Amino acid sequence: MTLRTILVCLTGTTSAEHLLKSAAVLARRDNAHLIGLYVTESLVIYPSIAIHIPDSTYPDFVASQRIHAQEVKEIFDAQTKAEDFPSEWRQMSSEGGFLADSIIECGRSVDLIVMAQEDDADDRPLINDLQERVIKESGRPVLVIPRDYVARTIGDNVVLGFSETREATRAAHDVLDVAAPDADLRVLRIGTPPSNTLADHAANDLASALARHGPKVEVVHRDKDGEKVADVLNHEAFETGADMLATGAFGHSRAYDFVIGAATRTLLSKAKLPVLFSK
């Protein structure tokens, strides 16, 4: 399977260049239509707070948004002008005050959404929890690119974190669109390894089904040994030279994440490789 439409969410000038370079690796491979999306913020006024707002505030805000959008567009044009794959610049306004709403609206019609890892030094005020909302509400796989990551390949060597959950199952099938047709794909089971790995029918049946699409698939079991799931995934990826992780996302409640911690938020903030999240 191949990618036909890729949506790249451009939120800042610092992340735009490396984000577009990473997305171009996939667009170039599949000749996919690449959309660069920039969403302008709306000026949000909270009426319960009594403050004086100068008359120049709104025009100044609009002007700053226009300048920032143009800066990002120039980066987009510079990155795509020499490419053969089709590309499109798309600029929208977040009329309701939430950037995620506009991204989700656009994202529902594409094969893959590409986003940058959150960066407090570069991101704009209304971008808090942006990746989380898009992953949870768009219904599409989201590839998050780490800060300053330079991709030479994406999807040639993949570690897929798998458990018998809906989210992990969705990731297992979404990864086929993003992985190269002849990729090396490791289905990673985290936990106490079974005494007989052949008896792990869920993982072995999945591996056989994925292999029928072309990738070279291997099932691997790793004990946590006191580590967090995200750390085990990262270690496996590093040791095998993977260029992408894939995993189900947000399979637990916020209360669970707060008390116990979960892999999704750790990977969102600390992963050193591109991570494909499916919900």
Foldseek 3Di string as FASTA:
>chain_A
DAFAEEEEEDFFLQFLQQLLLVVVQRCQVRLHEYEYEYEFFDDDDDVVDDDDDDPCVRVVSVVVSVVRLVSSVVSVCVSPVPGPRHYYYYYYYPVVRAPLVVVLVVLLPGAEYEYEQDDPVTGDPRCVCSVVSSQVRNQHKYKYFYRPDHDPHAQQEEEQEDDPDPQSVQQLVSSLHGHDQAHEYEHEYEADADPDNVVPCVVVVSQVVSCVSRYRYHYYYDYCPPPAPLVVQQVVCVVVVHQEYEYEPDPDDPVCCVPPNHNRVCCSHPPNHIYIYHD
